[in-house]
Amino acid sequence: MMRRLGLRIVLHLLAATWRIDVVGGEHLAATRRAGRGFVFALWHRTLLPLLWWHRRQGITLLVSRHADGELLARSAARLGYRLVRGSSTRGGAVALRALMRALDGGAAVAVTPDGPRGPVRVVKPGVLDAARRVRVPILPVAAGASSAWELGSWDRLVIPRPFARVRIAYGPPLDPSSDHDAGATSGELAGRLDAVAALAELPR
């Protein structure tokens, strides 16, 4: 369905019926008030509702060069995202440099650290390295739905059904450039992403 109609159109039709609430919004507000670049980090399976929620906010999105990423890239661009193409397996070094330039310029960047092909809920080290080198925080974010389709993909991609209640959740930022968080590991970031995913969960 998404390939036939276009991801952006499908999202628009579905999201027009969703009832969305937000928890942990104070973490996003405080991170934005700091006035510097930061990283949105999210598990790949919750990408679609978050792609809709954060549309037209000038966010830079890391999208894989794999064929799977083409549909996402076209739709994200139409939703107002700036794109960096690459992943841990294709164009990784180029993508990392582009992300760092965006962050250094004060942009918000969105990354799925277990994408583009998994393993599911395992953080690859690039996001921590970039944040540490540019000295910016990482803000965990997740989405949950009261009713959703789950695709048979590696990540069990979540698509909230029509009229679902959707919850967007933000967690406390992790700042690997600070004295407090300087020793942060991929495992710690994964734990924070799991925690915010649990916060976003809704009864089905």
C-alpha atoms as a PDB file:
ATOM      1  CA  MET A   1       0.000   0.000   0.000  1.00  0.00           C
ATOM      2  CA  MET A   2       2.749   2.457   0.945  1.00  0.00           C
ATOM      3  CA  ARG A   3       4.665   1.931  -2.285  1.00  0.00           C
ATOM      4  CA  ARG A   4       1.527   2.310  -4.397  1.00  0.00           C
ATOM      5  CA  LEU A   5       0.156   5.469  -2.768  1.00  0.00           C
ATOM      6  CA  GLY A   6       3.364   6.929  -1.369  1.00  0.00           C
ATOM      7  CA  LEU A   7       4.472   6.886   2.248  1.00  0.00           C
ATOM      8  CA  ARG A   8       3.716  10.576   2.797  1.00  0.00           C
ATOM      9  CA  ILE A   9       0.112  10.228   1.572  1.00  0.00           C
ATOM     10  CA  VAL A  10      -0.503   7.088   3.647  1.00  0.00           C
ATOM     11  CA  LEU A  11       0.918   8.806   6.729  1.00  0.00           C
ATOM     12  CA  HIS A  12      -1.242  11.870   6.139  1.00  0.00           C
ATOM     13  CA  LEU A  13      -4.417   9.791   5.792  1.00  0.00           C
ATOM     14  CA  LEU A  14      -3.688   7.722   8.888  1.00  0.00           C
ATOM     15  CA  ALA A  15      -2.341  10.515  11.091  1.00  0.00           C
ATOM     16  CA  ALA A  16      -5.400  12.683  10.456  1.00  0.00           C
ATOM     17  CA  THR A  17      -7.311  10.160  12.588  1.00  0.00           C
ATOM     18  CA  TRP A  18      -4.755   9.576  15.363  1.00  0.00           C
ATOM     19  CA  ARG A  19      -5.214  10.984  18.873  1.00  0.00           C
ATOM     20  CA  ILE A  20      -1.715  12.017  19.925  1.00  0.00           C
ATOM     21  CA  ASP A  21      -0.453  12.814  23.415  1.00  0.00           C
ATOM     22  CA  VAL A  22       3.049  13.620  24.612  1.00  0.00           C
ATOM     23  CA  VAL A  23       4.947  12.626  27.751  1.00  0.00           C
ATOM     24  CA  GLY A  24       8.356  13.914  28.763  1.00  0.00           C
ATOM     25  CA  GLY A  25       7.975  17.006  26.622  1.00  0.00           C
ATOM     26  CA  GLU A  26       9.965  18.999  29.176  1.00  0.00           C
ATOM     27  CA  HIS A  27      13.105  17.117  28.096  1.00  0.00           C
ATOM     28  CA  LEU A  28      12.639  18.227  24.499  1.00  0.00           C
ATOM     29  CA  ALA A  29      11.889  21.804  25.561  1.00  0.00           C
ATOM     30  CA  ALA A  30      14.985  22.011  27.769  1.00  0.00           C
ATOM     31  CA  THR A  31      17.204  20.534  25.058  1.00  0.00           C
ATOM     32  CA  ARG A  32      15.946  23.046  22.509  1.00  0.00           C
ATOM     33  CA  ARG A  33      16.335  25.944  24.944  1.00  0.00           C
ATOM     34  CA  ALA A  34      20.047  25.143  25.234  1.00  0.00           C
ATOM     35  CA  GLY A  35      20.398  26.584  21.736  1.00  0.00           C
ATOM     36  CA  ARG A  36      22.818  24.028  20.283  1.00  0.00           C
ATOM     37  CA  GLY A  37      22.585  21.043  18.001  1.00  0.00           C
ATOM     38  CA  PHE A  38      21.348  17.739  19.367  1.00  0.00           C
ATOM     39  CA  VAL A  39      20.511  14.209  18.240  1.00  0.00           C
ATOM     40  CA  PHE A  40      17.077  12.593  18.324  1.00  0.00           C
ATOM     41  CA  ALA A  41      17.725   8.861  18.832  1.00  0.00           C
ATOM     42  CA  LEU A  42      14.923   6.361  18.233  1.00  0.00           C
ATOM     43  CA  TRP A  43      14.519   2.664  17.565  1.00  0.00           C
ATOM     44  CA  HIS A  44      13.843   1.989  13.887  1.00  0.00           C
ATOM     45  CA  ARG A  45      10.485   0.270  14.522  1.00  0.00           C
ATOM     46  CA  THR A  46       8.881   3.505  15.803  1.00  0.00           C
ATOM     47  CA  LEU A  47      10.085   5.654  12.914  1.00  0.00           C
ATOM     48  CA  LEU A  48       6.811   6.312  11.073  1.00  0.00           C
ATOM     49  CA  PRO A  49       4.691   8.066  13.742  1.00  0.00           C
ATOM     50  CA  LEU A  50       7.728  10.093  14.789  1.00  0.00           C
ATOM     51  CA  LEU A  51       8.408  11.040  11.168  1.00  0.00           C
ATOM     52  CA  TRP A  52       4.901  12.511  11.053  1.00  0.00           C
ATOM     53  CA  TRP A  53       5.027  14.189  14.464  1.00  0.00           C
ATOM     54  CA  HIS A  54       8.293  16.021  13.790  1.00  0.00           C
ATOM     55  CA  ARG A  55       7.530  17.059  10.207  1.00  0.00           C
ATOM     56  CA  ARG A  56       8.441  20.544   8.982  1.00  0.00           C
ATOM     57  CA  GLN A  57      10.750  21.285  11.909  1.00  0.00           C
ATOM     58  CA  GLY A  58      13.950  21.513   9.866  1.00  0.00           C
ATOM     59  CA  ILE A  59      15.355  18.270  11.283  1.00  0.00           C
ATOM     60  CA  THR A  60      18.194  16.517   9.472  1.00  0.00           C
ATOM     61  CA  LEU A  61      17.436  12.812   9.002  1.00  0.00           C
ATOM     62  CA  LEU A  62      19.990  10.068   8.409  1.00  0.00           C
ATOM     63  CA  VAL A  63      18.577   7.714   5.749  1.00  0.00           C
ATOM     64  CA  SER A  64      20.201   4.538   4.477  1.00  0.00           C
ATOM     65  CA  ARG A  65      21.570   4.264   0.934  1.00  0.00           C
ATOM     66  CA  HIS A  66      19.957   0.826   0.714  1.00  0.00           C
ATOM     67  CA  ALA A  67      17.068   0.474  -1.740  1.00  0.00           C
ATOM     68  CA  ASP A  68      14.737   0.339   1.287  1.00  0.00           C
ATOM     69  CA  GLY A  69      15.747   3.903   2.112  1.00  0.00           C
ATOM     70  CA  GLU A  70      14.590   5.415  -1.181  1.00  0.00           C
ATOM     71  CA  LEU A  71      10.887   5.439  -0.287  1.00  0.00           C
ATOM     72  CA  LEU A  72      11.665   6.933   3.112  1.00  0.00           C
ATOM     73  CA  ALA A  73      14.019   9.551   1.654  1.00  0.00           C
ATOM     74  CA  ARG A  74      11.502  10.830  -0.906  1.00  0.00           C
ATOM     75  CA  SER A  75       8.691  11.000   1.636  1.00  0.00           C
ATOM     76  CA  ALA A  76      10.831  12.596   4.363  1.00  0.00           C
ATOM     77  CA  ALA A  77      11.999  15.321   1.984  1.00  0.00           C
ATOM     78  CA  ARG A  78       8.374  16.145   1.174  1.00  0.00           C
ATOM     79  CA  LEU A  79       7.630  16.306   4.898  1.00  0.00           C
ATOM     80  CA  GLY A  80      10.267  19.003   5.328  1.00  0.00           C
ATOM     81  CA  TYR A  81      13.279  16.974   6.492  1.00  0.00           C
ATOM     82  CA  ARG A  82      16.817  17.639   5.382  1.00  0.00           C
ATOM     83  CA  LEU A  83      18.535  14.401   4.373  1.00  0.00           C
ATOM     84  CA  VAL A  84      21.922  12.826   4.923  1.00  0.00           C
ATOM     85  CA  ARG A  85      22.310   9.557   3.009  1.00  0.00           C
ATOM     86  CA  GLY A  86      24.416   6.774   4.477  1.00  0.00           C
ATOM     87  CA  SER A  87      24.606   4.119   7.171  1.00  0.00           C
ATOM     88  CA  SER A  88      27.052   1.944   9.059  1.00  0.00           C
ATOM     89  CA  THR A  89      27.493  -0.200   5.945  1.00  0.00           C
ATOM     90  CA  ARG A  90      27.200   2.213   3.013  1.00  0.00           C
ATOM     91  CA  GLY A  91      28.629   5.720   2.929  1.00  0.00           C
ATOM     92  CA  GLY A  92      29.254   5.641   6.671  1.00  0.00           C
ATOM     93  CA  ALA A  93      32.255   7.962   6.880  1.00  0.00           C
ATOM     94  CA  VAL A  94      30.716  10.525   4.525  1.00  0.00           C
ATOM     95  CA  ALA A  95      27.415  10.418   6.393  1.00  0.00           C
ATOM     96  CA  LEU A  96      29.130  10.824   9.760  1.00  0.00           C
ATOM     97  CA  ARG A  97      30.996  13.920   8.574  1.00  0.00           C
ATOM     98  CA  ALA A  98      27.784  15.425   7.187  1.00  0.00           C
ATOM     99  CA  LEU A  99      25.959  14.767  10.468  1.00  0.00           C
ATOM    100  CA  MET A 100      28.754  16.371  12.449  1.00  0.00           C
ATOM    101  CA  ARG A 101      28.660  19.475  10.237  1.00  0.00           C
ATOM    102  CA  ALA A 102      24.894  19.752  10.752  1.00  0.00           C
ATOM    103  CA  LEU A 103      25.239  19.329  14.519  1.00  0.00           C
ATOM    104  CA  ASP A 104      28.100  21.815  14.709  1.00  0.00           C
ATOM    105  CA  GLY A 105      25.856  24.311  12.915  1.00  0.00           C
ATOM    106  CA  GLY A 106      23.167  23.937  15.580  1.00  0.00           C
ATOM    107  CA  ALA A 107      20.829  21.546  13.758  1.00  0.00           C
ATOM    108  CA  ALA A 108      18.684  18.822  15.268  1.00  0.00           C
ATOM    109  CA  VAL A 109      19.564  15.453  13.721  1.00  0.00           C
ATOM    110  CA  ALA A 110      17.486  12.244  13.859  1.00  0.00           C
ATOM    111  CA  VAL A 111      19.168   8.830  13.867  1.00  0.00           C
ATOM    112  CA  THR A 112      17.939   5.243  14.226  1.00  0.00           C
ATOM    113  CA  PRO A 113      21.014   3.664  15.836  1.00  0.00           C
ATOM    114  CA  ASP A 114      19.834   0.090  15.161  1.00  0.00           C
ATOM    115  CA  GLY A 115      19.118   0.774  11.460  1.00  0.00           C
ATOM    116  CA  PRO A 116      19.089   0.227   8.597  1.00  0.00           C
ATOM    117  CA  ARG A 117      19.122  -3.581   8.931  1.00  0.00           C
ATOM    118  CA  GLY A 118      19.581  -4.358  12.626  1.00  0.00           C
ATOM    119  CA  PRO A 119      20.279  -6.158  14.824  1.00  0.00           C
ATOM    120  CA  VAL A 120      17.095  -4.869  16.391  1.00  0.00           C
ATOM    121  CA  ARG A 121      17.549  -2.652  19.472  1.00  0.00           C
ATOM    122  CA  VAL A 122      21.352  -2.815  19.276  1.00  0.00           C
ATOM    123  CA  VAL A 123      23.054   0.602  19.161  1.00  0.00           C
ATOM    124  CA  LYS A 124      25.803   1.036  16.606  1.00  0.00           C
ATOM    125  CA  PRO A 125      28.615   3.289  17.904  1.00  0.00           C
ATOM    126  CA  GLY A 126      28.417   6.078  15.282  1.00  0.00           C
ATOM    127  CA  VAL A 127      25.790   8.198  17.044  1.00  0.00           C
ATOM    128  CA  LEU A 128      27.738   8.299  20.311  1.00  0.00           C
ATOM    129  CA  ASP A 129      30.989   9.073  18.504  1.00  0.00           C
ATOM    130  CA  ALA A 130      29.428  11.966  16.593  1.00  0.00           C
ATOM    131  CA  ALA A 131      27.749  13.461  19.678  1.00  0.00           C
ATOM    132  CA  ARG A 132      30.930  13.159  21.718  1.00  0.00           C
ATOM    133  CA  ARG A 133      33.121  14.781  19.081  1.00  0.00           C
ATOM    134  CA  VAL A 134      30.741  17.710  18.400  1.00  0.00           C
ATOM    135  CA  ARG A 135      29.795  17.983  22.096  1.00  0.00           C
ATOM    136  CA  VAL A 136      26.017  17.729  21.762  1.00  0.00           C
ATOM    137  CA  PRO A 137      23.372  15.757  23.703  1.00  0.00           C
ATOM    138  CA  ILE A 138      21.379  12.743  22.525  1.00  0.00           C
ATOM    139  CA  LEU A 139      17.635  12.900  23.225  1.00  0.00           C
ATOM    140  CA  PRO A 140      15.857   9.510  23.358  1.00  0.00           C
ATOM    141  CA  VAL A 141      12.400   9.510  21.767  1.00  0.00           C
ATOM    142  CA  ALA A 142       9.821   6.791  21.108  1.00  0.00           C
ATOM    143  CA  ALA A 143       6.253   6.294  19.958  1.00  0.00           C
ATOM    144  CA  GLY A 144       3.597   3.793  21.020  1.00  0.00           C
ATOM    145  CA  ALA A 145       0.086   3.075  19.790  1.00  0.00           C
ATOM    146  CA  SER A 146      -3.065   1.575  21.234  1.00  0.00           C
ATOM    147  CA  SER A 147      -3.661  -0.268  17.962  1.00  0.00           C
ATOM    148  CA  ALA A 148      -1.121  -0.883  15.217  1.00  0.00           C
ATOM    149  CA  TRP A 149      -0.023  -3.068  12.366  1.00  0.00           C
ATOM    150  CA  GLU A 150       3.424  -4.625  12.764  1.00  0.00           C
ATOM    151  CA  LEU A 151       5.167  -5.445   9.500  1.00  0.00           C
ATOM    152  CA  GLY A 152       7.109  -8.653   8.989  1.00  0.00           C
ATOM    153  CA  SER A 153      10.348  -6.684   8.584  1.00  0.00           C
ATOM    154  CA  TRP A 154      13.499  -7.208  10.659  1.00  0.00           C
ATOM    155  CA  ASP A 155      12.399  -4.459  13.085  1.00  0.00           C
ATOM    156  CA  ARG A 156       8.655  -5.255  13.198  1.00  0.00           C
ATOM    157  CA  LEU A 157       7.920  -1.730  11.955  1.00  0.00           C
ATOM    158  CA  VAL A 158       4.926  -0.184  13.749  1.00  0.00           C
ATOM    159  CA  ILE A 159       2.154   1.539  11.783  1.00  0.00           C
ATOM    160  CA  PRO A 160      -0.608   2.896  14.050  1.00  0.00           C
ATOM    161  CA  ARG A 161      -4.066   1.961  12.758  1.00  0.00           C
ATOM    162  CA  PRO A 162      -6.789   4.511  11.975  1.00  0.00           C
ATOM    163  CA  PHE A 163      -8.172   6.223  15.100  1.00  0.00           C
ATOM    164  CA  ALA A 164      -5.425   4.774  17.306  1.00  0.00           C
ATOM    165  CA  ARG A 165      -4.226   6.646  20.339  1.00  0.00           C
ATOM    166  CA  VAL A 166      -0.543   7.461  19.770  1.00  0.00           C
ATOM    167  CA  ARG A 167       1.862   8.432  22.521  1.00  0.00           C
ATOM    168  CA  ILE A 168       5.117  10.300  21.853  1.00  0.00           C
ATOM    169  CA  ALA A 169       7.626  10.009  24.710  1.00  0.00           C
ATOM    170  CA  TYR A 170      10.922  11.801  25.357  1.00  0.00           C
ATOM    171  CA  GLY A 171      13.525  10.752  27.893  1.00  0.00           C
ATOM    172  CA  PRO A 172      16.267  12.666  29.710  1.00  0.00           C
ATOM    173  CA  PRO A 173      19.094  13.594  27.336  1.00  0.00           C
ATOM    174  CA  LEU A 174      22.391  11.770  27.377  1.00  0.00           C
ATOM    175  CA  ASP A 175      25.337  14.135  26.895  1.00  0.00           C
ATOM    176  CA  PRO A 176      28.483  12.104  26.138  1.00  0.00           C
ATOM    177  CA  SER A 177      30.556  15.280  26.006  1.00  0.00           C
ATOM    178  CA  SER A 178      29.793  16.214  29.633  1.00  0.00           C
ATOM    179  CA  ASP A 179      31.807  15.119  32.646  1.00  0.00           C
ATOM    180  CA  HIS A 180      28.791  13.223  33.971  1.00  0.00           C
ATOM    181  CA  ASP A 181      28.050  11.242  30.790  1.00  0.00           C
ATOM    182  CA  ALA A 182      31.540  11.113  29.220  1.00  0.00           C
ATOM    183  CA  GLY A 183      31.803   7.371  29.802  1.00  0.00           C
ATOM    184  CA  ALA A 184      28.459   6.591  28.191  1.00  0.00           C
ATOM    185  CA  THR A 185      28.398   3.403  26.156  1.00  0.00           C
ATOM    186  CA  SER A 186      26.224   1.986  23.406  1.00  0.00           C
ATOM    187  CA  GLY A 187      24.648  -0.262  26.032  1.00  0.00           C
ATOM    188  CA  GLU A 188      23.682   2.725  28.174  1.00  0.00           C
ATOM    189  CA  LEU A 189      22.077   4.490  25.222  1.00  0.00           C
ATOM    190  CA  ALA A 190      20.212   1.284  24.340  1.00  0.00           C
ATOM    191  CA  GLY A 191      18.926   1.131  27.905  1.00  0.00           C
ATOM    192  CA  ARG A 192      17.634   4.682  27.690  1.00  0.00           C
ATOM    193  CA  LEU A 193      15.936   3.969  24.369  1.00  0.00           C
ATOM    194  CA  ASP A 194      14.273   0.887  25.849  1.00  0.00           C
ATOM    195  CA  ALA A 195      13.141   2.941  28.855  1.00  0.00           C
ATOM    196  CA  VAL A 196      11.525   5.652  26.726  1.00  0.00           C
ATOM    197  CA  ALA A 197       9.938   2.977  24.510  1.00  0.00           C
ATOM    198  CA  ALA A 198       8.342   1.486  27.642  1.00  0.00           C
ATOM    199  CA  LEU A 199       7.103   4.964  28.604  1.00  0.00           C
ATOM    200  CA  ALA A 200       5.419   5.297  25.208  1.00  0.00           C
ATOM    201  CA  GLU A 201       3.657   1.925  25.401  1.00  0.00           C
ATOM    202  CA  LEU A 202      -0.149   1.945  25.484  1.00  0.00           C
ATOM    203  CA  PRO A 203      -2.571  -0.901  26.306  1.00  0.00           C
ATOM    204  CA  ARG A 204      -3.825  -2.729  23.222  1.00  0.00           C
END
